[in-house]
């Protein structure tokens, strides 16, 4: 399945605005339950707010990146964000920002994250709503979502107000995932993510070999690297177990709609990035962008 670039003209904020308003309303409304299986084309909340489902033609791409924690969703979504000129919205980053802010949700989030559990729909929806509102104020349009949706309920919320163009499901073998997660580091000063793991797995039992070079920081960040509190083997293993258990229904939700692109990462960024662009039918687009720069 390949993506098209027919919507890369001047974007509008209409779709993003409706998504933000819907998410804001749904977080406090009892009208949507976790048992909901479908949503109509318009909704009424608290008998006062009606939101219509819209699919404006003149907008930017609306993509989702799925995949286990540590698979590289943020890395590839961020690169595509820069290439296509759309905001990359990572719910994991939103959670970490809230944790660092000492806001009203920070204590509750600390307990959830440290235990390797998934953050509830209500908290994620609240954080995402705030992010979309801030982006809309800056004139953002379209999005590449990273880490959302994680549940059927969240997927239904999105489907209720906007058309998702494509869902990229990144896959990586679990032993490599574990090594990657344990190698993650964050610069305590600039906040950027790096990885000190040097992965070189030999092929066996029908599985191909795989190599991933470390993603090291510049020299001025090296002494400021810290390990995330939730990147321990026990927590990471539990996080992967929970994700695999919860992700199947969401993957099937989009697979049944013909919107999912399954992408097995063949290695690190140098090996995977060109192949991902090819799978998305964007390899020529990157070349044109580079030539125009």
Protein backbone atom coordinates (compact mmCIF):
# COMPACT_ATOMS: atom_id res chain seq x y z
CA UNK A 1 0.00 0.00 0.00
CA UNK A 2 1.43 3.36 -0.99
CA UNK A 3 0.56 6.86 0.09
CA UNK A 4 -0.22 9.65 -2.33
CA UNK A 5 0.84 13.28 -2.23
CA UNK A 6 -2.30 14.80 -3.68
CA UNK A 7 -2.99 16.71 -0.47
CA UNK A 8 0.29 18.53 -0.09
CA UNK A 9 -1.04 21.88 -1.27
CA UNK A 10 -1.68 24.79 1.11
CA UNK A 11 -3.28 23.17 4.18
CA UNK A 12 -6.23 24.45 6.14
CA UNK A 13 -6.84 24.10 9.87
CA UNK A 14 -10.47 22.95 9.56
CA UNK A 15 -9.87 19.23 10.08
CA UNK A 16 -7.45 19.78 12.96
CA UNK A 17 -9.90 22.19 14.58
CA UNK A 18 -12.73 19.66 14.51
CA UNK A 19 -10.45 16.94 15.85
CA UNK A 20 -9.35 19.14 18.73
CA UNK A 21 -12.92 20.18 19.57
CA UNK A 22 -14.17 16.62 19.42
CA UNK A 23 -11.39 15.27 21.62
CA UNK A 24 -11.93 18.09 24.11
CA UNK A 25 -15.63 17.27 24.35
CA UNK A 26 -15.21 13.51 24.45
CA UNK A 27 -12.81 13.55 27.37
CA UNK A 28 -15.55 14.77 29.69
CA UNK A 29 -18.55 13.22 27.99
CA UNK A 30 -20.24 9.98 28.85
CA UNK A 31 -21.65 9.75 25.34
CA UNK A 32 -18.74 7.58 24.19
CA UNK A 33 -17.96 4.34 25.99
CA UNK A 34 -15.22 1.79 25.55
CA UNK A 35 -17.84 -0.57 24.15
CA UNK A 36 -18.67 1.75 21.23
CA UNK A 37 -18.19 -0.04 17.92
CA UNK A 38 -19.10 2.70 15.45
CA UNK A 39 -19.78 6.40 15.39
CA UNK A 40 -22.20 8.37 13.22
CA UNK A 41 -21.23 11.31 11.03
CA UNK A 42 -22.20 13.90 13.63
CA UNK A 43 -22.41 13.99 17.40
CA UNK A 44 -24.12 15.95 20.14
CA UNK A 45 -22.48 16.41 23.53
CA UNK A 46 -24.24 17.69 26.61
CA UNK A 47 -27.14 18.69 24.30
CA UNK A 48 -25.27 21.81 23.24
CA UNK A 49 -22.33 20.98 20.98
CA UNK A 50 -22.69 19.35 17.58
CA UNK A 51 -19.60 18.40 15.60
CA UNK A 52 -19.72 17.26 11.99
CA UNK A 53 -17.33 14.87 10.39
CA UNK A 54 -15.40 16.63 7.64
CA UNK A 55 -12.80 15.62 5.11
CA UNK A 56 -11.52 18.83 3.49
CA UNK A 57 -9.72 18.25 0.20
CA UNK A 58 -7.23 21.07 0.67
CA UNK A 59 -5.37 19.78 3.70
CA UNK A 60 -2.14 18.07 4.55
CA UNK A 61 -1.61 14.36 5.21
CA UNK A 62 -3.14 12.73 8.29
CA UNK A 63 -1.08 9.70 9.16
CA UNK A 64 -0.61 7.45 12.18
CA UNK A 65 2.49 5.54 13.25
CA UNK A 66 1.89 2.34 15.22
CA UNK A 67 4.48 0.02 16.72
CA UNK A 68 5.90 -1.31 19.96
CA UNK A 69 7.64 1.06 22.37
CA UNK A 70 11.19 1.63 21.17
CA UNK A 71 10.57 0.51 17.59
CA UNK A 72 11.45 3.94 16.21
CA UNK A 73 8.06 5.56 15.62
CA UNK A 74 9.35 8.93 16.77
CA UNK A 75 12.47 8.77 14.61
CA UNK A 76 10.69 8.01 11.35
CA UNK A 77 7.60 10.12 12.08
CA UNK A 78 9.86 13.09 12.85
CA UNK A 79 11.76 12.66 9.58
CA UNK A 80 8.54 12.45 7.60
CA UNK A 81 7.22 15.47 9.48
CA UNK A 82 10.17 17.53 8.25
CA UNK A 83 9.89 16.14 4.71
CA UNK A 84 6.16 16.76 4.34
CA UNK A 85 5.82 19.89 6.45
CA UNK A 86 3.28 18.53 8.95
CA UNK A 87 3.38 18.49 12.75
CA UNK A 88 4.68 15.34 14.42
CA UNK A 89 2.61 14.77 17.55
CA UNK A 90 3.98 12.11 19.90
CA UNK A 91 1.77 11.29 22.86
CA UNK A 92 4.83 9.89 24.68
CA UNK A 93 6.41 13.34 24.50
CA UNK A 94 3.18 14.92 25.75
CA UNK A 95 3.22 12.59 28.76
CA UNK A 96 6.88 13.37 29.53
CA UNK A 97 6.22 17.11 29.23
CA UNK A 98 3.38 16.81 31.70
CA UNK A 99 5.58 14.80 34.07
CA UNK A 100 8.25 17.49 33.95
CA UNK A 101 5.75 20.28 34.45
CA UNK A 102 4.62 19.21 37.95
CA UNK A 103 1.09 19.80 36.71
CA UNK A 104 -2.10 18.29 38.14
CA UNK A 105 -1.56 14.96 36.33
CA UNK A 106 2.15 14.57 37.02
CA UNK A 107 1.90 12.46 40.22
CA UNK A 108 -0.64 10.10 38.69
CA UNK A 109 1.42 9.77 35.51
CA UNK A 110 4.61 9.04 37.47
CA UNK A 111 3.04 5.97 39.08
CA UNK A 112 1.62 4.74 35.76
CA UNK A 113 4.84 5.19 33.78
CA UNK A 114 7.13 3.70 36.43
CA UNK A 115 4.99 0.56 36.53
CA UNK A 116 5.11 0.20 32.73
CA UNK A 117 1.33 0.54 32.39
CA UNK A 118 -0.53 2.28 29.59
CA UNK A 119 -1.82 5.77 30.28
CA UNK A 120 -5.63 5.91 30.31
CA UNK A 121 -7.67 7.16 27.37
CA UNK A 122 -8.92 10.10 29.39
CA UNK A 123 -5.44 11.39 30.24
CA UNK A 124 -4.09 10.92 26.71
CA UNK A 125 -7.13 12.62 25.19
CA UNK A 126 -6.76 15.54 27.58
CA UNK A 127 -3.06 16.01 26.74
CA UNK A 128 -3.64 15.62 23.01
CA UNK A 129 -6.48 18.11 23.10
CA UNK A 130 -4.18 20.74 24.65
CA UNK A 131 -1.51 20.04 22.03
CA UNK A 132 -3.94 20.34 19.11
CA UNK A 133 -5.35 23.57 20.47
CA UNK A 134 -1.86 25.06 20.70
CA UNK A 135 -1.03 23.86 17.18
CA UNK A 136 -4.22 25.24 15.71
CA UNK A 137 -3.41 28.63 17.20
CA UNK A 138 -0.13 28.52 15.24
CA UNK A 139 -1.88 27.58 11.99
CA UNK A 140 -0.92 23.91 11.87
CA UNK A 141 -2.78 21.54 9.55
CA UNK A 142 -2.63 17.80 9.14
CA UNK A 143 -0.58 15.62 11.47
CA UNK A 144 1.54 12.54 11.93
CA UNK A 145 0.41 10.93 15.16
CA UNK A 146 2.90 8.82 17.09
CA UNK A 147 1.56 6.70 19.95
CA UNK A 148 -2.10 7.48 19.32
CA UNK A 149 -4.48 5.72 19.04
CA UNK A 150 -3.63 2.83 21.35
CA UNK A 151 -7.17 1.61 21.97
CA UNK A 152 -10.27 1.01 19.87
CA UNK A 153 -12.00 3.85 21.68
CA UNK A 154 -9.28 6.29 20.68
CA UNK A 155 -9.40 5.02 17.08
CA UNK A 156 -13.16 5.56 17.01
CA UNK A 157 -12.75 9.11 18.26
CA UNK A 158 -10.39 9.86 15.39
CA UNK A 159 -12.59 8.18 12.81
CA UNK A 160 -15.57 10.11 14.09
CA UNK A 161 -14.22 13.48 12.99
CA UNK A 162 -11.53 13.01 10.36
CA UNK A 163 -10.27 10.66 7.69
CA UNK A 164 -6.97 9.00 8.47
CA UNK A 165 -5.11 8.56 5.19
CA UNK A 166 -2.60 5.94 6.23
CA UNK A 167 -1.47 3.90 9.24
CA UNK A 168 2.17 2.81 9.22
CA UNK A 169 2.72 -0.21 11.46
CA UNK A 170 6.44 -0.50 12.24
CA UNK A 171 7.67 -3.93 13.27
CA UNK A 172 10.92 -5.15 14.82
CA UNK A 173 11.86 -8.45 16.47
CA UNK A 174 11.44 -8.36 20.26
CA UNK A 175 15.02 -9.14 21.28
CA UNK A 176 16.23 -6.17 19.24
CA UNK A 177 13.47 -4.00 20.66
CA UNK A 178 14.59 -4.80 24.20
CA UNK A 179 18.20 -3.86 23.42
CA UNK A 180 17.08 -0.63 21.78
CA UNK A 181 14.92 0.40 24.74
CA UNK A 182 17.68 -0.29 27.25
CA UNK A 183 20.08 1.80 25.15
CA UNK A 184 17.89 4.90 25.00
CA UNK A 185 19.25 8.09 26.51
CA UNK A 186 18.00 11.68 26.75
CA UNK A 187 20.10 14.81 26.95
CA UNK A 188 19.11 16.50 30.20
CA UNK A 189 19.89 19.90 28.69
CA UNK A 190 18.47 19.94 25.15
CA UNK A 191 15.92 17.13 25.60
CA UNK A 192 16.89 15.26 22.42
CA UNK A 193 16.82 11.46 22.25
CA UNK A 194 19.81 9.27 21.52
CA UNK A 195 20.70 5.58 21.72
CA UNK A 196 23.97 4.04 22.89
CA UNK A 197 23.08 0.46 21.94
CA UNK A 198 25.21 -1.15 19.23
CA UNK A 199 23.13 -4.01 17.88
CA UNK A 200 24.53 -6.80 15.73
CA UNK A 201 22.28 -9.86 15.66
CA UNK A 202 23.25 -12.90 13.59
CA UNK A 203 20.64 -14.51 11.41
CA UNK A 204 19.32 -17.86 12.66
CA UNK A 205 16.24 -20.07 12.55
CA UNK A 206 15.05 -18.37 9.38
CA UNK A 207 15.37 -14.87 10.82
CA UNK A 208 17.69 -12.51 8.93
CA UNK A 209 20.61 -10.86 10.68
CA UNK A 210 20.28 -7.25 11.72
CA UNK A 211 22.69 -4.45 12.51
CA UNK A 212 21.93 -1.11 14.12
CA UNK A 213 24.61 1.43 14.85
CA UNK A 214 24.24 3.58 17.99
CA UNK A 215 22.69 7.00 17.60
CA UNK A 216 25.26 8.96 19.57
CA UNK A 217 24.90 12.59 20.66
CA UNK A 218 27.24 15.45 19.76
CA UNK A 219 30.16 15.91 22.14
CA UNK A 220 28.49 18.72 24.09
CA UNK A 221 25.58 16.42 25.00
CA UNK A 222 27.61 13.32 25.88
CA UNK A 223 28.17 14.19 29.52
CA UNK A 224 24.51 15.16 30.00
CA UNK A 225 22.89 11.88 28.94
CA UNK A 226 20.36 10.36 31.32
CA UNK A 227 18.37 7.13 31.23
CA UNK A 228 14.59 7.31 31.33
CA UNK A 229 13.24 6.02 34.64
CA UNK A 230 11.00 3.53 32.83
CA UNK A 231 13.78 2.07 30.67
CA UNK A 232 14.58 -0.91 32.88
CA UNK A 233 14.41 -4.50 31.63
CA UNK A 234 11.47 -5.35 33.89
CA UNK A 235 9.43 -2.31 32.89
CA UNK A 236 10.30 -2.56 29.19
CA UNK A 237 9.36 -6.25 29.07
CA UNK A 238 6.03 -5.53 30.75
CA UNK A 239 5.43 -2.57 28.43
CA UNK A 240 5.99 -4.75 25.37
CA UNK A 241 3.66 -7.43 26.73
CA UNK A 242 0.89 -4.93 27.36
CA UNK A 243 1.37 -3.30 23.98
CA UNK A 244 1.19 -6.58 22.10
CA UNK A 245 -1.97 -7.49 23.99
CA UNK A 246 -3.68 -4.14 23.39
CA UNK A 247 -2.42 -3.39 19.87
CA UNK A 248 -4.02 -6.25 17.99
CA UNK A 249 -7.58 -4.83 17.97
CA UNK A 250 -6.31 -1.38 16.88
CA UNK A 251 -4.24 -2.88 14.07
CA UNK A 252 -7.25 -4.91 12.92
CA UNK A 253 -9.45 -1.79 13.13
CA UNK A 254 -7.35 -0.10 10.45
CA UNK A 255 -6.49 -3.29 8.56
CA UNK A 256 -10.19 -3.94 7.97
CA UNK A 257 -10.46 -0.45 6.49
CA UNK A 258 -7.56 -1.04 4.12
CA UNK A 259 -5.47 1.75 5.62
CA UNK A 260 -2.56 -0.08 7.22
CA UNK A 261 0.95 -0.42 5.84
CA UNK A 262 2.92 -3.20 7.54
CA UNK A 263 6.61 -2.31 7.52
CA UNK A 264 9.30 -4.63 8.90
CA UNK A 265 12.37 -2.58 9.75
CA UNK A 266 15.37 -4.21 8.04
CA UNK A 267 17.93 -2.51 10.29
CA UNK A 268 18.94 0.91 11.48
CA UNK A 269 18.11 4.27 9.92
CA UNK A 270 20.49 4.01 6.92
CA UNK A 271 18.92 0.70 5.87
CA UNK A 272 15.31 1.43 6.84
CA UNK A 273 14.72 5.06 5.81
CA UNK A 274 15.13 4.59 2.01
CA UNK A 275 12.96 1.49 2.07
CA UNK A 276 10.26 3.25 4.09
CA UNK A 277 10.22 6.15 1.60
CA UNK A 278 9.91 3.63 -1.22
CA UNK A 279 7.02 1.87 0.54
CA UNK A 280 5.29 5.25 0.98
CA UNK A 281 5.97 6.20 -2.64
CA UNK A 282 7.97 9.19 -1.40
CA UNK A 283 11.45 8.39 -2.68
CA UNK A 284 11.08 10.68 -5.71
CA UNK A 285 9.51 13.35 -3.52
CA UNK A 286 12.55 13.49 -1.24
CA UNK A 287 14.83 13.85 -4.26
CA UNK A 288 12.74 16.74 -5.60
CA UNK A 289 12.77 18.45 -2.20
CA UNK A 290 16.55 18.08 -1.99
CA UNK A 291 17.02 19.46 -5.50
CA UNK A 292 14.82 22.47 -4.72
CA UNK A 293 16.66 23.26 -1.48
